[in-house]
PDB file of N, CA and C in Angstrom:
ATOM      1  N   MET A   1       0.834  -1.178   0.000  1.00  0.00           N
ATOM      2  CA  MET A   1       0.000   0.000   0.000  1.00  0.00           C
ATOM      3  C   MET A   1       0.881   1.244   0.000  1.00  0.00           C
ATOM      4  N   ILE A   2       0.493   2.213  -0.776  1.00  0.00           N
ATOM      5  CA  ILE A   2       1.215   3.474  -0.848  1.00  0.00           C
ATOM      6  C   ILE A   2       0.905   4.289   0.403  1.00  0.00           C
ATOM      7  N   GLN A   3       1.927   4.736   1.089  1.00  0.00           N
ATOM      8  CA  GLN A   3       1.738   5.601   2.245  1.00  0.00           C
ATOM      9  C   GLN A   3       1.434   7.015   1.750  1.00  0.00           C
ATOM     10  N   THR A   4       0.420   7.620   2.303  1.00  0.00           N
ATOM     11  CA  THR A   4       0.084   8.988   1.933  1.00  0.00           C
ATOM     12  C   THR A   4       0.146   9.863   3.173  1.00  0.00           C
ATOM     13  N   LYS A   5       0.052  11.146   2.952  1.00  0.00           N
ATOM     14  CA  LYS A   5       0.046  12.079   4.076  1.00  0.00           C
ATOM     15  C   LYS A   5      -1.212  11.930   4.924  1.00  0.00           C
ATOM     16  N   PHE A   6      -2.181  11.191   4.415  1.00  0.00           N
ATOM     17  CA  PHE A   6      -3.433  10.981   5.109  1.00  0.00           C
ATOM     18  C   PHE A   6      -3.514   9.613   5.788  1.00  0.00           C
ATOM     19  N   GLN A   7      -2.414   8.910   5.906  1.00  0.00           N
ATOM     20  CA  GLN A   7      -2.435   7.506   6.329  1.00  0.00           C
ATOM     21  C   GLN A   7      -3.171   7.272   7.648  1.00  0.00           C
ATOM     22  N   ASP A   8      -2.914   8.084   8.658  1.00  0.00           N
ATOM     23  CA  ASP A   8      -3.594   7.897   9.944  1.00  0.00           C
ATOM     24  C   ASP A   8      -5.098   8.064   9.789  1.00  0.00           C
ATOM     25  N   CYS A   9      -5.477   9.050   9.025  1.00  0.00           N
ATOM     26  CA  CYS A   9      -6.902   9.307   8.812  1.00  0.00           C
ATOM     27  C   CYS A   9      -7.535   8.173   7.995  1.00  0.00           C
ATOM     28  N   ILE A  10      -6.832   7.679   7.014  1.00  0.00           N
ATOM     29  CA  ILE A  10      -7.324   6.563   6.208  1.00  0.00           C
ATOM     30  C   ILE A  10      -7.596   5.355   7.110  1.00  0.00           C
ATOM     31  N   GLU A  11      -6.662   5.055   7.979  1.00  0.00           N
ATOM     32  CA  GLU A  11      -6.818   3.894   8.861  1.00  0.00           C
ATOM     33  C   GLU A  11      -7.969   4.087   9.844  1.00  0.00           C
ATOM     34  N   THR A  12      -8.070   5.258  10.427  1.00  0.00           N
ATOM     35  CA  THR A  12      -9.127   5.529  11.400  1.00  0.00           C
ATOM     36  C   THR A  12     -10.507   5.508  10.740  1.00  0.00           C
ATOM     37  N   CYS A  13     -10.601   6.075   9.553  1.00  0.00           N
ATOM     38  CA  CYS A  13     -11.877   6.064   8.821  1.00  0.00           C
ATOM     39  C   CYS A  13     -12.261   4.642   8.418  1.00  0.00           C
ATOM     40  N   GLY A  14     -11.288   3.856   8.019  1.00  0.00           N
ATOM     41  CA  GLY A  14     -11.552   2.469   7.666  1.00  0.00           C
ATOM     42  C   GLY A  14     -12.049   1.671   8.858  1.00  0.00           C
ATOM     43  N   GLU A  15     -11.424   1.878  10.017  1.00  0.00           N
ATOM     44  CA  GLU A  15     -11.849   1.199  11.242  1.00  0.00           C
ATOM     45  C   GLU A  15     -13.254   1.631  11.643  1.00  0.00           C
ATOM     46  N   CYS A  16     -13.555   2.902  11.446  1.00  0.00           N
ATOM     47  CA  CYS A  16     -14.887   3.417  11.776  1.00  0.00           C
ATOM     48  C   CYS A  16     -15.947   2.779  10.875  1.00  0.00           C
ATOM     49  N   ALA A  17     -15.651   2.690   9.590  1.00  0.00           N
ATOM     50  CA  ALA A  17     -16.607   2.081   8.660  1.00  0.00           C
ATOM     51  C   ALA A  17     -16.913   0.640   9.072  1.00  0.00           C
ATOM     52  N   ILE A  18     -15.886  -0.095   9.465  1.00  0.00           N
ATOM     53  CA  ILE A  18     -16.079  -1.478   9.902  1.00  0.00           C
ATOM     54  C   ILE A  18     -16.923  -1.523  11.177  1.00  0.00           C
ATOM     55  N   SER A  19     -16.610  -0.662  12.121  1.00  0.00           N
ATOM     56  CA  SER A  19     -17.344  -0.634  13.381  1.00  0.00           C
ATOM     57  C   SER A  19     -18.820  -0.299  13.152  1.00  0.00           C
ATOM     58  N   CYS A  20     -19.076   0.639  12.241  1.00  0.00           N
ATOM     59  CA  CYS A  20     -20.456   1.011  11.935  1.00  0.00           C
ATOM     60  C   CYS A  20     -21.220  -0.147  11.293  1.00  0.00           C
ATOM     61  N   ARG A  21     -20.572  -0.872  10.390  1.00  0.00           N
ATOM     62  CA  ARG A  21     -21.227  -2.039   9.773  1.00  0.00           C
ATOM     63  C   ARG A  21     -21.533  -3.099  10.822  1.00  0.00           C
ATOM     64  N   GLN A  22     -20.606  -3.302  11.743  1.00  0.00           N
ATOM     65  CA  GLN A  22     -20.820  -4.289  12.807  1.00  0.00           C
ATOM     66  C   GLN A  22     -21.959  -3.847  13.727  1.00  0.00           C
ATOM     67  N   CYS A  23     -22.045  -2.554  13.977  1.00  0.00           N
ATOM     68  CA  CYS A  23     -23.121  -2.030  14.822  1.00  0.00           C
ATOM     69  C   CYS A  23     -24.476  -2.243  14.150  1.00  0.00           C
ATOM     70  N   VAL A  24     -24.546  -1.996  12.848  1.00  0.00           N
ATOM     71  CA  VAL A  24     -25.798  -2.235  12.112  1.00  0.00           C
ATOM     72  C   VAL A  24     -26.214  -3.699  12.258  1.00  0.00           C
ATOM     73  N   ALA A  25     -25.278  -4.597  12.028  1.00  0.00           N
ATOM     74  CA  ALA A  25     -25.584  -6.026  12.118  1.00  0.00           C
ATOM     75  C   ALA A  25     -26.082  -6.392  13.512  1.00  0.00           C
ATOM     76  N   ALA A  26     -25.434  -5.854  14.522  1.00  0.00           N
ATOM     77  CA  ALA A  26     -25.847  -6.148  15.896  1.00  0.00           C
ATOM     78  C   ALA A  26     -27.199  -5.514  16.220  1.00  0.00           C
ATOM     79  N   CYS A  27     -27.411  -4.288  15.770  1.00  0.00           N
ATOM     80  CA  CYS A  27     -28.701  -3.622  16.008  1.00  0.00           C
ATOM     81  C   CYS A  27     -29.845  -4.405  15.374  1.00  0.00           C
ATOM     82  N   LEU A  28     -29.614  -4.940  14.198  1.00  0.00           N
ATOM     83  CA  LEU A  28     -30.659  -5.694  13.508  1.00  0.00           C
ATOM     84  C   LEU A  28     -31.028  -6.981  14.242  1.00  0.00           C
ATOM     85  N   ASN A  29     -30.176  -7.416  15.153  1.00  0.00           N
ATOM     86  CA  ASN A  29     -30.462  -8.606  15.953  1.00  0.00           C
ATOM     87  C   ASN A  29     -31.094  -8.283  17.305  1.00  0.00           C
ATOM     88  N   GLU A  30     -31.286  -7.004  17.580  1.00  0.00           N
ATOM     89  CA  GLU A  30     -31.934  -6.601  18.830  1.00  0.00           C
ATOM     90  C   GLU A  30     -33.442  -6.841  18.723  1.00  0.00           C
ATOM     91  N   LYS A  31     -34.099  -6.965  19.858  1.00  0.00           N
ATOM     92  CA  LYS A  31     -35.535  -7.272  19.894  1.00  0.00           C
ATOM     93  C   LYS A  31     -36.396  -6.105  19.436  1.00  0.00           C
ATOM     94  N   ASP A  32     -36.087  -4.899  19.892  1.00  0.00           N
ATOM     95  CA  ASP A  32     -36.920  -3.739  19.583  1.00  0.00           C
ATOM     96  C   ASP A  32     -36.214  -2.840  18.567  1.00  0.00           C
ATOM     97  N   LEU A  33     -36.482  -3.090  17.301  1.00  0.00           N
ATOM     98  CA  LEU A  33     -35.833  -2.325  16.229  1.00  0.00           C
ATOM     99  C   LEU A  33     -36.354  -0.902  16.109  1.00  0.00           C
ATOM    100  N   GLU A  34     -37.558  -0.674  16.554  1.00  0.00           N
ATOM    101  CA  GLU A  34     -38.177   0.650  16.368  1.00  0.00           C
ATOM    102  C   GLU A  34     -37.302   1.768  16.947  1.00  0.00           C
ATOM    103  N   HIS A  35     -36.805   1.579  18.154  1.00  0.00           N
ATOM    104  CA  HIS A  35     -35.998   2.634  18.777  1.00  0.00           C
ATOM    105  C   HIS A  35     -34.565   2.689  18.218  1.00  0.00           C
ATOM    106  N   LEU A  36     -34.206   1.761  17.339  1.00  0.00           N
ATOM    107  CA  LEU A  36     -32.859   1.725  16.755  1.00  0.00           C
ATOM    108  C   LEU A  36     -32.815   2.235  15.312  1.00  0.00           C
ATOM    109  N   LYS A  37     -33.954   2.653  14.777  1.00  0.00           N
ATOM    110  CA  LYS A  37     -33.991   3.081  13.373  1.00  0.00           C
ATOM    111  C   LYS A  37     -33.001   4.204  13.070  1.00  0.00           C
ATOM    112  N   LYS A  38     -32.975   5.219  13.913  1.00  0.00           N
ATOM    113  CA  LYS A  38     -32.065   6.345  13.672  1.00  0.00           C
ATOM    114  C   LYS A  38     -30.611   5.886  13.788  1.00  0.00           C
ATOM    115  N   CYS A  39     -30.333   5.031  14.734  1.00  0.00           N
ATOM    116  CA  CYS A  39     -28.982   4.496  14.928  1.00  0.00           C
ATOM    117  C   CYS A  39     -28.538   3.737  13.679  1.00  0.00           C
ATOM    118  N   ILE A  40     -29.399   2.868  13.194  1.00  0.00           N
ATOM    119  CA  ILE A  40     -29.073   2.070  12.012  1.00  0.00           C
ATOM    120  C   ILE A  40     -28.862   2.973  10.803  1.00  0.00           C
ATOM    121  N   GLN A  41     -29.746   3.943  10.615  1.00  0.00           N
ATOM    122  CA  GLN A  41     -29.620   4.863   9.477  1.00  0.00           C
ATOM    123  C   GLN A  41     -28.304   5.640   9.527  1.00  0.00           C
ATOM    124  N   LEU A  42     -27.978   6.196  10.690  1.00  0.00           N
ATOM    125  CA  LEU A  42     -26.726   6.949  10.814  1.00  0.00           C
ATOM    126  C   LEU A  42     -25.509   6.055  10.621  1.00  0.00           C
ATOM    127  N   ASN A  43     -25.581   4.833  11.120  1.00  0.00           N
ATOM    128  CA  ASN A  43     -24.474   3.898  10.917  1.00  0.00           C
ATOM    129  C   ASN A  43     -24.271   3.592   9.439  1.00  0.00           C
ATOM    130  N   LEU A  44     -25.359   3.406   8.715  1.00  0.00           N
ATOM    131  CA  LEU A  44     -25.249   3.143   7.279  1.00  0.00           C
ATOM    132  C   LEU A  44     -24.645   4.339   6.549  1.00  0.00           C
ATOM    133  N   GLU A  45     -25.109   5.533   6.879  1.00  0.00           N
ATOM    134  CA  GLU A  45     -24.557   6.739   6.257  1.00  0.00           C
ATOM    135  C   GLU A  45     -23.080   6.906   6.607  1.00  0.00           C
ATOM    136  N   CYS A  46     -22.756   6.679   7.856  1.00  0.00           N
ATOM    137  CA  CYS A  46     -21.381   6.823   8.311  1.00  0.00           C
ATOM    138  C   CYS A  46     -20.463   5.830   7.596  1.00  0.00           C
ATOM    139  N   THR A  47     -20.931   4.610   7.445  1.00  0.00           N
ATOM    140  CA  THR A  47     -20.160   3.595   6.734  1.00  0.00           C
ATOM    141  C   THR A  47     -19.843   4.054   5.320  1.00  0.00           C
ATOM    142  N   ILE A  48     -20.840   4.534   4.626  1.00  0.00           N
ATOM    143  CA  ILE A  48     -20.667   4.965   3.234  1.00  0.00           C
ATOM    144  C   ILE A  48     -19.719   6.154   3.141  1.00  0.00           C
ATOM    145  N   ILE A  49     -19.917   7.138   4.009  1.00  0.00           N
ATOM    146  CA  ILE A  49     -19.083   8.339   3.950  1.00  0.00           C
ATOM    147  C   ILE A  49     -17.645   8.030   4.353  1.00  0.00           C
ATOM    148  N   CYS A  50     -17.459   7.231   5.399  1.00  0.00           N
ATOM    149  CA  CYS A  50     -16.093   6.864   5.805  1.00  0.00           C
ATOM    150  C   CYS A  50     -15.386   6.093   4.693  1.00  0.00           C
ATOM    151  N   ALA A  51     -16.068   5.135   4.100  1.00  0.00           N
ATOM    152  CA  ALA A  51     -15.459   4.330   3.036  1.00  0.00           C
ATOM    153  C   ALA A  51     -15.113   5.197   1.822  1.00  0.00           C
ATOM    154  N   THR A  52     -15.990   6.109   1.482  1.00  0.00           N
ATOM    155  CA  THR A  52     -15.724   7.010   0.351  1.00  0.00           C
ATOM    156  C   THR A  52     -14.554   7.935   0.664  1.00  0.00           C
ATOM    157  N   THR A  53     -14.509   8.436   1.879  1.00  0.00           N
ATOM    158  CA  THR A  53     -13.414   9.311   2.290  1.00  0.00           C
ATOM    159  C   THR A  53     -12.086   8.570   2.217  1.00  0.00           C
ATOM    160  N   VAL A  54     -12.061   7.318   2.650  1.00  0.00           N
ATOM    161  CA  VAL A  54     -10.846   6.498   2.556  1.00  0.00           C
ATOM    162  C   VAL A  54     -10.397   6.396   1.106  1.00  0.00           C
ATOM    163  N   LYS A  55     -11.320   6.099   0.221  1.00  0.00           N
ATOM    164  CA  LYS A  55     -10.974   5.932  -1.195  1.00  0.00           C
ATOM    165  C   LYS A  55     -10.395   7.215  -1.788  1.00  0.00           C
ATOM    166  N   VAL A  56     -10.991   8.348  -1.474  1.00  0.00           N
ATOM    167  CA  VAL A  56     -10.518   9.622  -2.025  1.00  0.00           C
ATOM    168  C   VAL A  56      -9.183  10.021  -1.405  1.00  0.00           C
ATOM    169  N   MET A  57      -9.042   9.825  -0.091  1.00  0.00           N
ATOM    170  CA  MET A  57      -7.761  10.151   0.552  1.00  0.00           C
ATOM    171  C   MET A  57      -6.633   9.274   0.021  1.00  0.00           C
ATOM    172  N   SER A  58      -6.935   8.021  -0.282  1.00  0.00           N
ATOM    173  CA  SER A  58      -5.891   7.093  -0.711  1.00  0.00           C
ATOM    174  C   SER A  58      -5.286   7.465  -2.059  1.00  0.00           C
ATOM    175  N   ILE A  59      -5.978   8.306  -2.807  1.00  0.00           N
ATOM    176  CA  ILE A  59      -5.425   8.779  -4.086  1.00  0.00           C
ATOM    177  C   ILE A  59      -5.073  10.265  -4.031  1.00  0.00           C
ATOM    178  N   ASP A  60      -5.015  10.809  -2.801  1.00  0.00           N
ATOM    179  CA  ASP A  60      -4.765  12.241  -2.603  1.00  0.00           C
ATOM    180  C   ASP A  60      -5.723  13.072  -3.453  1.00  0.00           C
ATOM    181  N   GLY A  61      -6.989  12.703  -3.405  1.00  0.00           N
ATOM    182  CA  GLY A  61      -8.018  13.326  -4.225  1.00  0.00           C
ATOM    183  C   GLY A  61      -8.267  14.796  -3.918  1.00  0.00           C
ATOM    184  N   GLN A  62      -8.838  15.456  -4.890  1.00  0.00           N
ATOM    185  CA  GLN A  62      -9.099  16.891  -4.796  1.00  0.00           C
ATOM    186  C   GLN A  62     -10.184  17.246  -3.785  1.00  0.00           C
ATOM    187  N   LEU A  63     -11.061  16.318  -3.481  1.00  0.00           N
ATOM    188  CA  LEU A  63     -12.150  16.601  -2.544  1.00  0.00           C
ATOM    189  C   LEU A  63     -11.884  16.070  -1.136  1.00  0.00           C
ATOM    190  N   THR A  64     -10.648  15.755  -0.857  1.00  0.00           N
ATOM    191  CA  THR A  64     -10.296  15.199   0.452  1.00  0.00           C
ATOM    192  C   THR A  64     -10.734  16.119   1.585  1.00  0.00           C
ATOM    193  N   THR A  65     -10.450  17.389   1.502  1.00  0.00           N
ATOM    194  CA  THR A  65     -10.798  18.321   2.579  1.00  0.00           C
ATOM    195  C   THR A  65     -12.303  18.360   2.812  1.00  0.00           C
ATOM    196  N   GLU A  66     -13.053  18.484   1.736  1.00  0.00           N
ATOM    197  CA  GLU A  66     -14.504  18.552   1.859  1.00  0.00           C
ATOM    198  C   GLU A  66     -15.069  17.260   2.448  1.00  0.00           C
ATOM    199  N   LEU A  67     -14.567  16.125   1.972  1.00  0.00           N
ATOM    200  CA  LEU A  67     -15.051  14.846   2.481  1.00  0.00           C
ATOM    201  C   LEU A  67     -14.686  14.650   3.947  1.00  0.00           C
ATOM    202  N   CYS A  68     -13.515  15.094   4.347  1.00  0.00           N
ATOM    203  CA  CYS A  68     -13.122  14.954   5.749  1.00  0.00           C
ATOM    204  C   CYS A  68     -14.029  15.788   6.658  1.00  0.00           C
ATOM    205  N   LYS A  69     -14.448  16.950   6.197  1.00  0.00           N
ATOM    206  CA  LYS A  69     -15.389  17.760   6.979  1.00  0.00           C
ATOM    207  C   LYS A  69     -16.711  17.021   7.138  1.00  0.00           C
ATOM    208  N   ILE A  70     -17.213  16.459   6.051  1.00  0.00           N
ATOM    209  CA  ILE A  70     -18.465  15.706   6.081  1.00  0.00           C
ATOM    210  C   ILE A  70     -18.307  14.465   6.942  1.00  0.00           C
ATOM    211  N   CYS A  71     -17.179  13.799   6.807  1.00  0.00           N
ATOM    212  CA  CYS A  71     -16.910  12.586   7.577  1.00  0.00           C
ATOM    213  C   CYS A  71     -16.907  12.894   9.075  1.00  0.00           C
ATOM    214  N   ALA A  72     -16.241  13.952   9.474  1.00  0.00           N
ATOM    215  CA  ALA A  72     -16.213  14.329  10.889  1.00  0.00           C
ATOM    216  C   ALA A  72     -17.627  14.610  11.392  1.00  0.00           C
ATOM    217  N   ASP A  73     -18.433  15.268  10.578  1.00  0.00           N
ATOM    218  CA  ASP A  73     -19.800  15.611  10.963  1.00  0.00           C
ATOM    219  C   ASP A  73     -20.661  14.357  11.147  1.00  0.00           C
ATOM    220  N   ILE A  74     -20.655  13.463  10.178  1.00  0.00           N
ATOM    221  CA  ILE A  74     -21.491  12.259  10.293  1.00  0.00           C
ATOM    222  C   ILE A  74     -20.996  11.371  11.428  1.00  0.00           C
ATOM    223  N   CYS A  75     -19.695  11.324  11.631  1.00  0.00           N
ATOM    224  CA  CYS A  75     -19.150  10.517  12.733  1.00  0.00           C
ATOM    225  C   CYS A  75     -19.622  11.055  14.084  1.00  0.00           C
ATOM    226  N   GLU A  76     -19.659  12.358  14.245  1.00  0.00           N
ATOM    227  CA  GLU A  76     -20.128  12.937  15.507  1.00  0.00           C
ATOM    228  C   GLU A  76     -21.615  12.657  15.710  1.00  0.00           C
ATOM    229  N   ARG A  77     -22.397  12.776  14.642  1.00  0.00           N
ATOM    230  CA  ARG A  77     -23.828  12.485  14.746  1.00  0.00           C
ATOM    231  C   ARG A  77     -24.065  11.019  15.100  1.00  0.00           C
ATOM    232  N   CYS A  78     -23.323  10.149  14.445  1.00  0.00           N
ATOM    233  CA  CYS A  78     -23.457   8.712  14.689  1.00  0.00           C
ATOM    234  C   CYS A  78     -23.037   8.387  16.120  1.00  0.00           C
ATOM    235  N   ALA A  79     -21.950   8.973  16.578  1.00  0.00           N
ATOM    236  CA  ALA A  79     -21.480   8.739  17.950  1.00  0.00           C
ATOM    237  C   ALA A  79     -22.519   9.211  18.963  1.00  0.00           C
ATOM    238  N   ASP A  80     -23.106  10.378  18.725  1.00  0.00           N
ATOM    239  CA  ASP A  80     -24.131  10.900  19.637  1.00  0.00           C
ATOM    240  C   ASP A  80     -25.290   9.918  19.763  1.00  0.00           C
ATOM    241  N   GLU A  81     -25.741   9.398  18.632  1.00  0.00           N
ATOM    242  CA  GLU A  81     -26.863   8.460  18.646  1.00  0.00           C
ATOM    243  C   GLU A  81     -26.472   7.130  19.295  1.00  0.00           C
ATOM    244  N   CYS A  82     -25.320   6.615  18.934  1.00  0.00           N
ATOM    245  CA  CYS A  82     -24.879   5.332  19.500  1.00  0.00           C
ATOM    246  C   CYS A  82     -24.690   5.423  21.011  1.00  0.00           C
ATOM    247  N   GLU A  83     -24.225   6.564  21.487  1.00  0.00           N
ATOM    248  CA  GLU A  83     -24.020   6.722  22.930  1.00  0.00           C
ATOM    249  C   GLU A  83     -25.332   6.614  23.698  1.00  0.00           C
ATOM    250  N   LYS A  84     -26.434   7.029  23.082  1.00  0.00           N
ATOM    251  CA  LYS A  84     -27.742   6.898  23.736  1.00  0.00           C
ATOM    252  C   LYS A  84     -28.054   5.428  24.010  1.00  0.00           C
ATOM    253  N   HIS A  85     -27.717   4.570  23.062  1.00  0.00           N
ATOM    254  CA  HIS A  85     -28.004   3.143  23.200  1.00  0.00           C
ATOM    255  C   HIS A  85     -26.942   2.446  24.048  1.00  0.00           C
ATOM    256  N   ALA A  86     -25.736   2.955  23.995  1.00  0.00           N
ATOM    257  CA  ALA A  86     -24.667   2.404  24.835  1.00  0.00           C
ATOM    258  C   ALA A  86     -25.024   2.593  26.299  1.00  0.00           C
ATOM    259  N   ASP A  87     -25.671   3.721  26.615  1.00  0.00           N
ATOM    260  CA  ASP A  87     -26.097   3.983  27.987  1.00  0.00           C
ATOM    261  C   ASP A  87     -27.172   2.997  28.448  1.00  0.00           C
ATOM    262  N   MET A  88     -27.790   2.303  27.478  1.00  0.00           N
ATOM    263  CA  MET A  88     -28.798   1.287  27.806  1.00  0.00           C
ATOM    264  C   MET A  88     -28.194  -0.120  27.774  1.00  0.00           C
ATOM    265  N   GLY A  89     -26.866  -0.189  27.718  1.00  0.00           N
ATOM    266  CA  GLY A  89     -26.187  -1.479  27.811  1.00  0.00           C
ATOM    267  C   GLY A  89     -25.832  -2.143  26.494  1.00  0.00           C
ATOM    268  N   MET A  90     -25.994  -1.445  25.396  1.00  0.00           N
ATOM    269  CA  MET A  90     -25.655  -2.044  24.105  1.00  0.00           C
ATOM    270  C   MET A  90     -24.165  -1.829  23.823  1.00  0.00           C
ATOM    271  N   GLU A  91     -23.396  -2.877  24.058  1.00  0.00           N
ATOM    272  CA  GLU A  91     -21.940  -2.811  23.922  1.00  0.00           C
ATOM    273  C   GLU A  91     -21.508  -2.466  22.497  1.00  0.00           C
ATOM    274  N   HIS A  92     -22.201  -2.992  21.501  1.00  0.00           N
ATOM    275  CA  HIS A  92     -21.842  -2.710  20.108  1.00  0.00           C
ATOM    276  C   HIS A  92     -21.990  -1.232  19.794  1.00  0.00           C
ATOM    277  N   CYS A  93     -22.968  -0.581  20.399  1.00  0.00           N
ATOM    278  CA  CYS A  93     -23.135   0.857  20.186  1.00  0.00           C
ATOM    279  C   CYS A  93     -22.029   1.646  20.893  1.00  0.00           C
ATOM    280  N   ARG A  94     -21.598   1.166  22.050  1.00  0.00           N
ATOM    281  CA  ARG A  94     -20.492   1.828  22.756  1.00  0.00           C
ATOM    282  C   ARG A  94     -19.220   1.777  21.919  1.00  0.00           C
ATOM    283  N   LYS A  95     -18.922   0.601  21.371  1.00  0.00           N
ATOM    284  CA  LYS A  95     -17.726   0.444  20.554  1.00  0.00           C
ATOM    285  C   LYS A  95     -17.807   1.303  19.290  1.00  0.00           C
ATOM    286  N   CYS A  96     -18.980   1.357  18.704  1.00  0.00           N
ATOM    287  CA  CYS A  96     -19.165   2.159  17.507  1.00  0.00           C
ATOM    288  C   CYS A  96     -18.984   3.648  17.821  1.00  0.00           C
ATOM    289  N   ALA A  97     -19.562   4.087  18.928  1.00  0.00           N
ATOM    290  CA  ALA A  97     -19.417   5.491  19.325  1.00  0.00           C
ATOM    291  C   ALA A  97     -17.950   5.858  19.515  1.00  0.00           C
ATOM    292  N   GLU A  98     -17.183   4.972  20.123  1.00  0.00           N
ATOM    293  CA  GLU A  98     -15.752   5.219  20.311  1.00  0.00           C
ATOM    294  C   GLU A  98     -15.025   5.335  18.976  1.00  0.00           C
ATOM    295  N   ALA A  99     -15.345   4.433  18.053  1.00  0.00           N
ATOM    296  CA  ALA A  99     -14.703   4.474  16.729  1.00  0.00           C
ATOM    297  C   ALA A  99     -15.085   5.742  15.985  1.00  0.00           C
ATOM    298  N   CYS A 100     -16.343   6.142  16.107  1.00  0.00           N
ATOM    299  CA  CYS A 100     -16.800   7.368  15.435  1.00  0.00           C
ATOM    300  C   CYS A 100     -16.123   8.607  16.022  1.00  0.00           C
ATOM    301  N   ARG A 101     -16.003   8.654  17.330  1.00  0.00           N
ATOM    302  CA  ARG A 101     -15.331   9.801  17.970  1.00  0.00           C
ATOM    303  C   ARG A 101     -13.861   9.870  17.527  1.00  0.00           C
ATOM    304  N   ALA A 102     -13.203   8.725  17.476  1.00  0.00           N
ATOM    305  CA  ALA A 102     -11.801   8.694  17.046  1.00  0.00           C
ATOM    306  C   ALA A 102     -11.674   9.160  15.602  1.00  0.00           C
ATOM    307  N   CYS A 103     -12.589   8.744  14.755  1.00  0.00           N
ATOM    308  CA  CYS A 103     -12.551   9.130  13.351  1.00  0.00           C
ATOM    309  C   CYS A 103     -12.781  10.629  13.194  1.00  0.00           C
ATOM    310  N   ALA A 104     -13.774  11.146  13.889  1.00  0.00           N
ATOM    311  CA  ALA A 104     -14.047  12.593  13.820  1.00  0.00           C
ATOM    312  C   ALA A 104     -12.831  13.388  14.283  1.00  0.00           C
ATOM    313  N   LYS A 105     -12.203  12.935  15.351  1.00  0.00           N
ATOM    314  CA  LYS A 105     -11.019  13.617  15.884  1.00  0.00           C
ATOM    315  C   LYS A 105      -9.872  13.604  14.871  1.00  0.00           C
ATOM    316  N   THR A 106      -9.619  12.457  14.272  1.00  0.00           N
ATOM    317  CA  THR A 106      -8.533  12.346  13.296  1.00  0.00           C
ATOM    318  C   THR A 106      -8.804  13.204  12.066  1.00  0.00           C
ATOM    319  N   CYS A 107     -10.048  13.207  11.610  1.00  0.00           N
ATOM    320  CA  CYS A 107     -10.390  14.042  10.446  1.00  0.00           C
ATOM    321  C   CYS A 107     -10.179  15.520  10.767  1.00  0.00           C
ATOM    322  N   LYS A 108     -10.604  15.936  11.959  1.00  0.00           N
ATOM    323  CA  LYS A 108     -10.436  17.338  12.347  1.00  0.00           C
ATOM    324  C   LYS A 108      -8.956  17.697  12.478  1.00  0.00           C
ATOM    325  N   GLU A 109      -8.164  16.791  13.018  1.00  0.00           N
ATOM    326  CA  GLU A 109      -6.718  17.037  13.148  1.00  0.00           C
ATOM    327  C   GLU A 109      -6.076  17.179  11.768  1.00  0.00           C
ATOM    328  N   MET A 110      -6.499  16.337  10.839  1.00  0.00           N
ATOM    329  CA  MET A 110      -5.957  16.413   9.479  1.00  0.00           C
ATOM    330  C   MET A 110      -6.335  17.742   8.836  1.00  0.00           C
ATOM    331  N   LEU A 111      -7.555  18.189   9.067  1.00  0.00           N
ATOM    332  CA  LEU A 111      -8.011  19.451   8.494  1.00  0.00           C
ATOM    333  C   LEU A 111      -7.244  20.639   9.081  1.00  0.00           C
ATOM    334  N   ALA A 112      -6.877  20.535  10.351  1.00  0.00           N
ATOM    335  CA  ALA A 112      -6.169  21.617  11.018  1.00  0.00           C
ATOM    336  C   ALA A 112      -4.696  21.692  10.625  1.00  0.00           C
ATOM    337  N   ALA A 113      -4.179  20.579  10.098  1.00  0.00           N
ATOM    338  CA  ALA A 113      -2.739  20.521   9.754  1.00  0.00           C
ATOM    339  C   ALA A 113      -2.418  21.319   8.503  1.00  0.00           C
TER     340      ALA A 113
END
């Protein structure tokens, strides 16, 4: 793999996308899906945006800055929602919230550099 100036962000975004997909799968196995709809939707959006951001960063794409801003935003929204369910004992949501917070932080650090 070619190392880029975005390598840390690429790795963190990739880990976040995986965590979000795992959270969706786990949420779909919960008994009461109604209260998880927003969580599942945000996780799906976050997965798509993180994966797209990884792809664009990996080629030093022209829209990297814009995508990183969007990625940080969706990650924070997803983390906020997942934390609500983590407080109710859903471990998969806690792990996802942590991954989303880390991704948002890394994207913001990259933007500030």
